[in-house]
Every structure is written in structure tokens, then in C-alpha cells.
């Protein structure tokens, strides 16, 4: 599973998912050095936030995300 995840993360820019991008439905913020959850539109369906420096996540971190189907926090680089 770790190998598969690694392949997906390395290949994602090749498949049209550059880091730190948002297309209105998919917010792809892996490896973006974020320290907090970014503001995204309420049309966001997938919010991918792995491999950042986000320490705290609360209900107010995700206001009005009624369309959200997938939230990926994954590994965060925090002490």
C-alpha cells in the first residue's frame, strides 16, 4: 500500500494534478507547506491536504463545504 501511495504521489503531476491547485471541485494541496486549512469554494468535492504542516483542524476549518465527499489529511509534518 505504501508503494502504491508513493507511485500515485510521484505520478500525480503527470496525470494533470499539480500540487497546490484548485479547479472548483478538487482542491489538491499536497506538499504545499501549508500551516492551516486553505479557504476553498463551497463547490469543493475533494480536499487533499496530506504532507503539510497543519497542526489544528476544527469545525470552523471547513465552513460551508456541503459538497465535500472526500477529506484527506494524511500525514502532517508536525511535532
PDB file of N, CA and C in Angstrom:
ATOM      1  N   UNK A   1       0.827  -1.191   0.000  1.00  0.00           N
ATOM      2  CA  UNK A   1       0.000   0.000   0.000  1.00  0.00           C
ATOM      3  C   UNK A   1       0.870   1.253   0.000  1.00  0.00           C
ATOM      4  N   UNK A   2       1.956   1.246   0.784  1.00  0.00           N
ATOM      5  CA  UNK A   2       2.857   2.400   0.794  1.00  0.00           C
ATOM      6  C   UNK A   2       3.476   2.634  -0.581  1.00  0.00           C
ATOM      7  N   UNK A   3       3.835   1.554  -1.254  1.00  0.00           N
ATOM      8  CA  UNK A   3       4.406   1.682  -2.594  1.00  0.00           C
ATOM      9  C   UNK A   3       3.397   2.294  -3.554  1.00  0.00           C
ATOM     10  N   UNK A   4       2.164   1.835  -3.496  1.00  0.00           N
ATOM     11  CA  UNK A   4       1.117   2.379  -4.361  1.00  0.00           C
ATOM     12  C   UNK A   4       0.892   3.857  -4.081  1.00  0.00           C
ATOM     13  N   UNK A   5       0.849   4.241  -2.816  1.00  0.00           N
ATOM     14  CA  UNK A   5       0.682   5.642  -2.467  1.00  0.00           C
ATOM     15  C   UNK A   5       1.839   6.478  -2.995  1.00  0.00           C
ATOM     16  N   UNK A   6       3.050   5.965  -2.869  1.00  0.00           N
ATOM     17  CA  UNK A   6       4.222   6.673  -3.380  1.00  0.00           C
ATOM     18  C   UNK A   6       4.160   6.874  -4.880  1.00  0.00           C
ATOM     19  N   UNK A   7       3.753   5.851  -5.605  1.00  0.00           N
ATOM     20  CA  UNK A   7       3.640   5.948  -7.064  1.00  0.00           C
ATOM     21  C   UNK A   7       2.603   6.986  -7.451  1.00  0.00           C
ATOM     22  N   UNK A   8       1.466   6.997  -6.763  1.00  0.00           N
ATOM     23  CA  UNK A   8       0.413   7.970  -7.060  1.00  0.00           C
ATOM     24  C   UNK A   8       0.896   9.386  -6.788  1.00  0.00           C
ATOM     25  N   UNK A   9       1.588   9.589  -5.682  1.00  0.00           N
ATOM     26  CA  UNK A   9       2.063  10.931  -5.339  1.00  0.00           C
ATOM     27  C   UNK A   9       3.105  11.435  -6.325  1.00  0.00           C
ATOM     28  N   UNK A  10       3.983  10.561  -6.766  1.00  0.00           N
ATOM     29  CA  UNK A  10       5.015  10.958  -7.723  1.00  0.00           C
ATOM     30  C   UNK A  10       4.411  11.195  -9.101  1.00  0.00           C
ATOM     31  N   UNK A  11       3.451  10.377  -9.497  1.00  0.00           N
ATOM     32  CA  UNK A  11       2.888  10.454 -10.839  1.00  0.00           C
ATOM     33  C   UNK A  11       1.770  11.479 -10.967  1.00  0.00           C
ATOM     34  N   UNK A  12       1.248  11.988  -9.873  1.00  0.00           N
ATOM     35  CA  UNK A  12       0.091  12.875  -9.961  1.00  0.00           C
ATOM     36  C   UNK A  12       0.313  14.102 -10.828  1.00  0.00           C
ATOM     37  N   UNK A  13       1.483  14.765 -10.815  1.00  0.00           N
ATOM     38  CA  UNK A  13       1.655  15.899 -11.742  1.00  0.00           C
ATOM     39  C   UNK A  13       1.591  15.469 -13.205  1.00  0.00           C
ATOM     40  N   UNK A  14       2.015  14.269 -13.502  1.00  0.00           N
ATOM     41  CA  UNK A  14       1.977  13.752 -14.870  1.00  0.00           C
ATOM     42  C   UNK A  14       0.544  13.591 -15.338  1.00  0.00           C
ATOM     43  N   UNK A  15      -0.349  13.220 -14.430  1.00  0.00           N
ATOM     44  CA  UNK A  15      -1.743  12.994 -14.783  1.00  0.00           C
ATOM     45  C   UNK A  15      -2.601  14.250 -14.679  1.00  0.00           C
ATOM     46  N   UNK A  16      -1.983  15.409 -14.572  1.00  0.00           N
ATOM     47  CA  UNK A  16      -2.740  16.647 -14.578  1.00  0.00           C
ATOM     48  C   UNK A  16      -3.169  17.143 -13.222  1.00  0.00           C
ATOM     49  N   UNK A  17      -2.569  16.677 -12.148  1.00  0.00           N
ATOM     50  CA  UNK A  17      -2.901  17.136 -10.809  1.00  0.00           C
ATOM     51  C   UNK A  17      -1.678  17.780 -10.182  1.00  0.00           C
ATOM     52  N   UNK A  18      -1.331  18.998 -10.577  1.00  0.00           N
ATOM     53  CA  UNK A  18      -0.169  19.648  -9.972  1.00  0.00           C
ATOM     54  C   UNK A  18      -0.443  19.986  -8.510  1.00  0.00           C
ATOM     55  N   UNK A  19       0.600  19.976  -7.692  1.00  0.00           N
ATOM     56  CA  UNK A  19       0.447  20.349  -6.293  1.00  0.00           C
ATOM     57  C   UNK A  19      -0.040  21.784  -6.188  1.00  0.00           C
ATOM     58  N   UNK A  20      -0.765  22.057  -5.135  1.00  0.00           N
ATOM     59  CA  UNK A  20      -1.223  23.415  -4.820  1.00  0.00           C
ATOM     60  C   UNK A  20      -2.114  23.986  -5.915  1.00  0.00           C
ATOM     61  N   UNK A  21      -3.120  23.244  -6.305  1.00  0.00           N
ATOM     62  CA  UNK A  21      -4.036  23.733  -7.333  1.00  0.00           C
ATOM     63  C   UNK A  21      -5.483  23.462  -6.920  1.00  0.00           C
ATOM     64  N   UNK A  22      -6.390  24.176  -7.570  1.00  0.00           N
ATOM     65  CA  UNK A  22      -7.812  24.065  -7.266  1.00  0.00           C
ATOM     66  C   UNK A  22      -8.592  24.325  -8.545  1.00  0.00           C
ATOM     67  N   UNK A  23      -9.496  23.423  -8.885  1.00  0.00           N
ATOM     68  CA  UNK A  23     -10.249  23.600 -10.124  1.00  0.00           C
ATOM     69  C   UNK A  23     -11.741  23.848  -9.893  1.00  0.00           C
ATOM     70  N   UNK A  24     -12.129  24.130  -8.658  1.00  0.00           N
ATOM     71  CA  UNK A  24     -13.541  24.360  -8.354  1.00  0.00           C
ATOM     72  C   UNK A  24     -14.199  23.149  -7.731  1.00  0.00           C
ATOM     73  N   UNK A  25     -13.713  21.951  -8.043  1.00  0.00           N
ATOM     74  CA  UNK A  25     -14.241  20.711  -7.466  1.00  0.00           C
ATOM     75  C   UNK A  25     -13.179  19.966  -6.665  1.00  0.00           C
ATOM     76  N   UNK A  26     -11.940  19.964  -7.151  1.00  0.00           N
ATOM     77  CA  UNK A  26     -10.860  19.249  -6.479  1.00  0.00           C
ATOM     78  C   UNK A  26      -9.807  20.254  -6.021  1.00  0.00           C
ATOM     79  N   UNK A  27      -9.549  20.258  -4.721  1.00  0.00           N
ATOM     80  CA  UNK A  27      -8.502  21.110  -4.147  1.00  0.00           C
ATOM     81  C   UNK A  27      -7.327  20.188  -3.809  1.00  0.00           C
ATOM     82  N   UNK A  28      -6.273  20.295  -4.586  1.00  0.00           N
ATOM     83  CA  UNK A  28      -5.109  19.414  -4.481  1.00  0.00           C
ATOM     84  C   UNK A  28      -3.973  20.200  -3.834  1.00  0.00           C
ATOM     85  N   UNK A  29      -3.840  20.064  -2.504  1.00  0.00           N
ATOM     86  CA  UNK A  29      -2.848  20.828  -1.746  1.00  0.00           C
ATOM     87  C   UNK A  29      -1.889  19.917  -0.997  1.00  0.00           C
ATOM     88  N   UNK A  30      -1.346  18.928  -1.643  1.00  0.00           N
ATOM     89  CA  UNK A  30      -0.334  18.057  -1.037  1.00  0.00           C
ATOM     90  C   UNK A  30       1.038  18.698  -1.216  1.00  0.00           C
ATOM     91  N   UNK A  31       1.870  18.598  -0.176  1.00  0.00           N
ATOM     92  CA  UNK A  31       3.246  19.123  -0.215  1.00  0.00           C
ATOM     93  C   UNK A  31       3.280  20.627  -0.528  1.00  0.00           C
ATOM     94  N   UNK A  32       2.392  21.415   0.057  1.00  0.00           N
ATOM     95  CA  UNK A  32       2.336  22.858  -0.231  1.00  0.00           C
ATOM     96  C   UNK A  32       2.823  23.715   0.929  1.00  0.00           C
ATOM     97  N   UNK A  33       3.393  23.109   1.942  1.00  0.00           N
ATOM     98  CA  UNK A  33       3.908  23.836   3.115  1.00  0.00           C
ATOM     99  C   UNK A  33       2.833  24.645   3.830  1.00  0.00           C
ATOM    100  N   UNK A  34       1.599  24.179   3.801  1.00  0.00           N
ATOM    101  CA  UNK A  34       0.506  24.884   4.468  1.00  0.00           C
ATOM    102  C   UNK A  34       0.575  24.680   5.973  1.00  0.00           C
ATOM    103  N   UNK A  35       0.218  25.714   6.733  1.00  0.00           N
ATOM    104  CA  UNK A  35       0.150  25.603   8.188  1.00  0.00           C
ATOM    105  C   UNK A  35      -1.287  25.651   8.685  1.00  0.00           C
ATOM    106  N   UNK A  36      -2.226  25.918   7.777  1.00  0.00           N
ATOM    107  CA  UNK A  36      -3.641  25.879   8.124  1.00  0.00           C
ATOM    108  C   UNK A  36      -4.439  25.454   6.889  1.00  0.00           C
ATOM    109  N   UNK A  37      -5.678  25.068   7.116  1.00  0.00           N
ATOM    110  CA  UNK A  37      -6.545  24.647   6.022  1.00  0.00           C
ATOM    111  C   UNK A  37      -6.836  25.859   5.140  1.00  0.00           C
ATOM    112  N   UNK A  38      -6.604  25.756   3.825  1.00  0.00           N
ATOM    113  CA  UNK A  38      -6.850  26.905   2.937  1.00  0.00           C
ATOM    114  C   UNK A  38      -8.347  27.131   2.712  1.00  0.00           C
ATOM    115  N   UNK A  39      -8.700  28.344   2.388  1.00  0.00           N
ATOM    116  CA  UNK A  39     -10.079  28.671   2.022  1.00  0.00           C
ATOM    117  C   UNK A  39     -10.349  28.109   0.632  1.00  0.00           C
ATOM    118  N   UNK A  40     -11.430  27.367   0.489  1.00  0.00           N
ATOM    119  CA  UNK A  40     -11.825  26.827  -0.817  1.00  0.00           C
ATOM    120  C   UNK A  40     -13.300  27.124  -1.037  1.00  0.00           C
ATOM    121  N   UNK A  41     -13.732  27.045  -2.268  1.00  0.00           N
ATOM    122  CA  UNK A  41     -15.125  27.313  -2.601  1.00  0.00           C
ATOM    123  C   UNK A  41     -16.047  26.241  -2.040  1.00  0.00           C
ATOM    124  N   UNK A  42     -17.315  26.584  -1.881  1.00  0.00           N
ATOM    125  CA  UNK A  42     -18.281  25.607  -1.364  1.00  0.00           C
ATOM    126  C   UNK A  42     -18.630  24.533  -2.388  1.00  0.00           C
ATOM    127  N   UNK A  43     -18.108  24.622  -3.603  1.00  0.00           N
ATOM    128  CA  UNK A  43     -18.308  23.592  -4.624  1.00  0.00           C
ATOM    129  C   UNK A  43     -17.272  22.470  -4.519  1.00  0.00           C
ATOM    130  N   UNK A  44     -16.356  22.578  -3.566  1.00  0.00           N
ATOM    131  CA  UNK A  44     -15.280  21.600  -3.415  1.00  0.00           C
ATOM    132  C   UNK A  44     -15.847  20.237  -3.045  1.00  0.00           C
ATOM    133  N   UNK A  45     -15.458  19.227  -3.823  1.00  0.00           N
ATOM    134  CA  UNK A  45     -15.884  17.856  -3.567  1.00  0.00           C
ATOM    135  C   UNK A  45     -14.767  17.026  -2.934  1.00  0.00           C
ATOM    136  N   UNK A  46     -13.520  17.341  -3.280  1.00  0.00           N
ATOM    137  CA  UNK A  46     -12.365  16.607  -2.741  1.00  0.00           C
ATOM    138  C   UNK A  46     -11.332  17.615  -2.268  1.00  0.00           C
ATOM    139  N   UNK A  47     -10.931  17.477  -1.006  1.00  0.00           N
ATOM    140  CA  UNK A  47      -9.949  18.370  -0.413  1.00  0.00           C
ATOM    141  C   UNK A  47      -8.780  17.522   0.070  1.00  0.00           C
ATOM    142  N   UNK A  48      -7.661  17.610  -0.631  1.00  0.00           N
ATOM    143  CA  UNK A  48      -6.492  16.765  -0.382  1.00  0.00           C
ATOM    144  C   UNK A  48      -5.393  17.607   0.252  1.00  0.00           C
ATOM    145  N   UNK A  49      -5.080  17.339   1.518  1.00  0.00           N
ATOM    146  CA  UNK A  49      -4.183  18.192   2.292  1.00  0.00           C
ATOM    147  C   UNK A  49      -2.990  17.457   2.898  1.00  0.00           C
ATOM    148  N   UNK A  50      -2.678  16.273   2.454  1.00  0.00           N
ATOM    149  CA  UNK A  50      -1.590  15.495   3.044  1.00  0.00           C
ATOM    150  C   UNK A  50      -0.235  16.159   2.862  1.00  0.00           C
ATOM    151  N   UNK A  51       0.679  15.836   3.769  1.00  0.00           N
ATOM    152  CA  UNK A  51       2.084  16.235   3.690  1.00  0.00           C
ATOM    153  C   UNK A  51       2.285  17.749   3.767  1.00  0.00           C
ATOM    154  N   UNK A  52       1.606  18.378   4.712  1.00  0.00           N
ATOM    155  CA  UNK A  52       1.764  19.799   5.003  1.00  0.00           C
ATOM    156  C   UNK A  52       2.169  19.948   6.460  1.00  0.00           C
ATOM    157  N   UNK A  53       1.962  21.118   7.028  1.00  0.00           N
ATOM    158  CA  UNK A  53       2.329  21.418   8.416  1.00  0.00           C
ATOM    159  C   UNK A  53       1.122  21.886   9.225  1.00  0.00           C
ATOM    160  N   UNK A  54      -0.043  21.327   8.932  1.00  0.00           N
ATOM    161  CA  UNK A  54      -1.285  21.729   9.587  1.00  0.00           C
ATOM    162  C   UNK A  54      -1.363  21.069  10.960  1.00  0.00           C
ATOM    163  N   UNK A  55      -1.385  21.886  12.014  1.00  0.00           N
ATOM    164  CA  UNK A  55      -1.392  21.375  13.386  1.00  0.00           C
ATOM    165  C   UNK A  55      -2.787  21.216  13.953  1.00  0.00           C
ATOM    166  N   UNK A  56      -3.679  22.122  13.612  1.00  0.00           N
ATOM    167  CA  UNK A  56      -5.002  22.134  14.218  1.00  0.00           C
ATOM    168  C   UNK A  56      -6.072  22.138  13.142  1.00  0.00           C
ATOM    169  N   UNK A  57      -7.070  21.257  13.332  1.00  0.00           N
ATOM    170  CA  UNK A  57      -8.218  21.204  12.436  1.00  0.00           C
ATOM    171  C   UNK A  57      -9.461  21.240  13.318  1.00  0.00           C
ATOM    172  N   UNK A  58     -10.346  22.196  13.037  1.00  0.00           N
ATOM    173  CA  UNK A  58     -11.595  22.312  13.782  1.00  0.00           C
ATOM    174  C   UNK A  58     -12.761  22.373  12.806  1.00  0.00           C
ATOM    175  N   UNK A  59     -13.958  22.397  13.343  1.00  0.00           N
ATOM    176  CA  UNK A  59     -15.148  22.506  12.501  1.00  0.00           C
ATOM    177  C   UNK A  59     -15.104  23.793  11.680  1.00  0.00           C
ATOM    178  N   UNK A  60     -14.588  24.852  12.273  1.00  0.00           N
ATOM    179  CA  UNK A  60     -14.539  26.124  11.549  1.00  0.00           C
ATOM    180  C   UNK A  60     -13.492  26.131  10.430  1.00  0.00           C
ATOM    181  N   UNK A  61     -12.664  25.093  10.357  1.00  0.00           N
ATOM    182  CA  UNK A  61     -11.691  24.987   9.262  1.00  0.00           C
ATOM    183  C   UNK A  61     -12.366  24.673   7.927  1.00  0.00           C
ATOM    184  N   UNK A  62     -13.602  24.176   7.977  1.00  0.00           N
ATOM    185  CA  UNK A  62     -14.311  23.738   6.765  1.00  0.00           C
ATOM    186  C   UNK A  62     -15.703  24.361   6.688  1.00  0.00           C
ATOM    187  N   UNK A  63     -15.820  25.678   6.602  1.00  0.00           N
ATOM    188  CA  UNK A  63     -17.157  26.280   6.565  1.00  0.00           C
ATOM    189  C   UNK A  63     -17.841  26.083   5.216  1.00  0.00           C
ATOM    190  N   UNK A  64     -19.089  25.742   5.270  1.00  0.00           N
ATOM    191  CA  UNK A  64     -19.948  25.698   4.085  1.00  0.00           C
ATOM    192  C   UNK A  64     -19.492  24.722   3.001  1.00  0.00           C
ATOM    193  N   UNK A  65     -18.871  23.623   3.372  1.00  0.00           N
ATOM    194  CA  UNK A  65     -18.446  22.641   2.362  1.00  0.00           C
ATOM    195  C   UNK A  65     -19.496  21.527   2.261  1.00  0.00           C
ATOM    196  N   UNK A  66     -20.668  21.892   1.783  1.00  0.00           N
ATOM    197  CA  UNK A  66     -21.778  20.952   1.684  1.00  0.00           C
ATOM    198  C   UNK A  66     -21.555  19.876   0.630  1.00  0.00           C
ATOM    199  N   UNK A  67     -20.723  20.155  -0.368  1.00  0.00           N
ATOM    200  CA  UNK A  67     -20.467  19.204  -1.453  1.00  0.00           C
ATOM    201  C   UNK A  67     -19.293  18.272  -1.154  1.00  0.00           C
ATOM    202  N   UNK A  68     -18.612  18.476  -0.035  1.00  0.00           N
ATOM    203  CA  UNK A  68     -17.399  17.722   0.273  1.00  0.00           C
ATOM    204  C   UNK A  68     -17.700  16.233   0.422  1.00  0.00           C
ATOM    205  N   UNK A  69     -17.017  15.415  -0.378  1.00  0.00           N
ATOM    206  CA  UNK A  69     -17.166  13.961  -0.340  1.00  0.00           C
ATOM    207  C   UNK A  69     -15.929  13.287   0.231  1.00  0.00           C
ATOM    208  N   UNK A  70     -14.756  13.922   0.057  1.00  0.00           N
ATOM    209  CA  UNK A  70     -13.503  13.324   0.497  1.00  0.00           C
ATOM    210  C   UNK A  70     -12.622  14.390   1.126  1.00  0.00           C
ATOM    211  N   UNK A  71     -12.196  14.123   2.352  1.00  0.00           N
ATOM    212  CA  UNK A  71     -11.232  14.972   3.034  1.00  0.00           C
ATOM    213  C   UNK A  71     -10.023  14.110   3.348  1.00  0.00           C
ATOM    214  N   UNK A  72      -8.869  14.480   2.801  1.00  0.00           N
ATOM    215  CA  UNK A  72      -7.645  13.731   3.034  1.00  0.00           C
ATOM    216  C   UNK A  72      -6.675  14.616   3.806  1.00  0.00           C
ATOM    217  N   UNK A  73      -6.406  14.246   5.053  1.00  0.00           N
ATOM    218  CA  UNK A  73      -5.438  14.971   5.861  1.00  0.00           C
ATOM    219  C   UNK A  73      -4.103  14.244   5.878  1.00  0.00           C
ATOM    220  N   UNK A  74      -4.132  12.926   5.807  1.00  0.00           N
ATOM    221  CA  UNK A  74      -2.925  12.112   5.724  1.00  0.00           C
ATOM    222  C   UNK A  74      -1.857  12.490   6.731  1.00  0.00           C
ATOM    223  N   UNK A  75      -0.626  12.382   6.341  1.00  0.00           N
ATOM    224  CA  UNK A  75       0.497  12.737   7.205  1.00  0.00           C
ATOM    225  C   UNK A  75       0.694  14.245   7.210  1.00  0.00           C
ATOM    226  N   UNK A  76       0.917  14.774   8.396  1.00  0.00           N
ATOM    227  CA  UNK A  76       1.261  16.185   8.566  1.00  0.00           C
ATOM    228  C   UNK A  76       2.598  16.240   9.252  1.00  0.00           C
ATOM    229  N   UNK A  77       3.452  17.146   8.822  1.00  0.00           N
ATOM    230  CA  UNK A  77       4.781  17.298   9.399  1.00  0.00           C
ATOM    231  C   UNK A  77       4.707  18.211  10.613  1.00  0.00           C
ATOM    232  N   UNK A  78       4.289  17.661  11.741  1.00  0.00           N
ATOM    233  CA  UNK A  78       4.175  18.434  12.971  1.00  0.00           C
ATOM    234  C   UNK A  78       4.832  17.660  14.101  1.00  0.00           C
ATOM    235  N   UNK A  79       5.340  18.386  15.100  1.00  0.00           N
ATOM    236  CA  UNK A  79       5.962  17.685  16.234  1.00  0.00           C
ATOM    237  C   UNK A  79       4.922  16.966  17.092  1.00  0.00           C
TER     238      UNK A  79
END
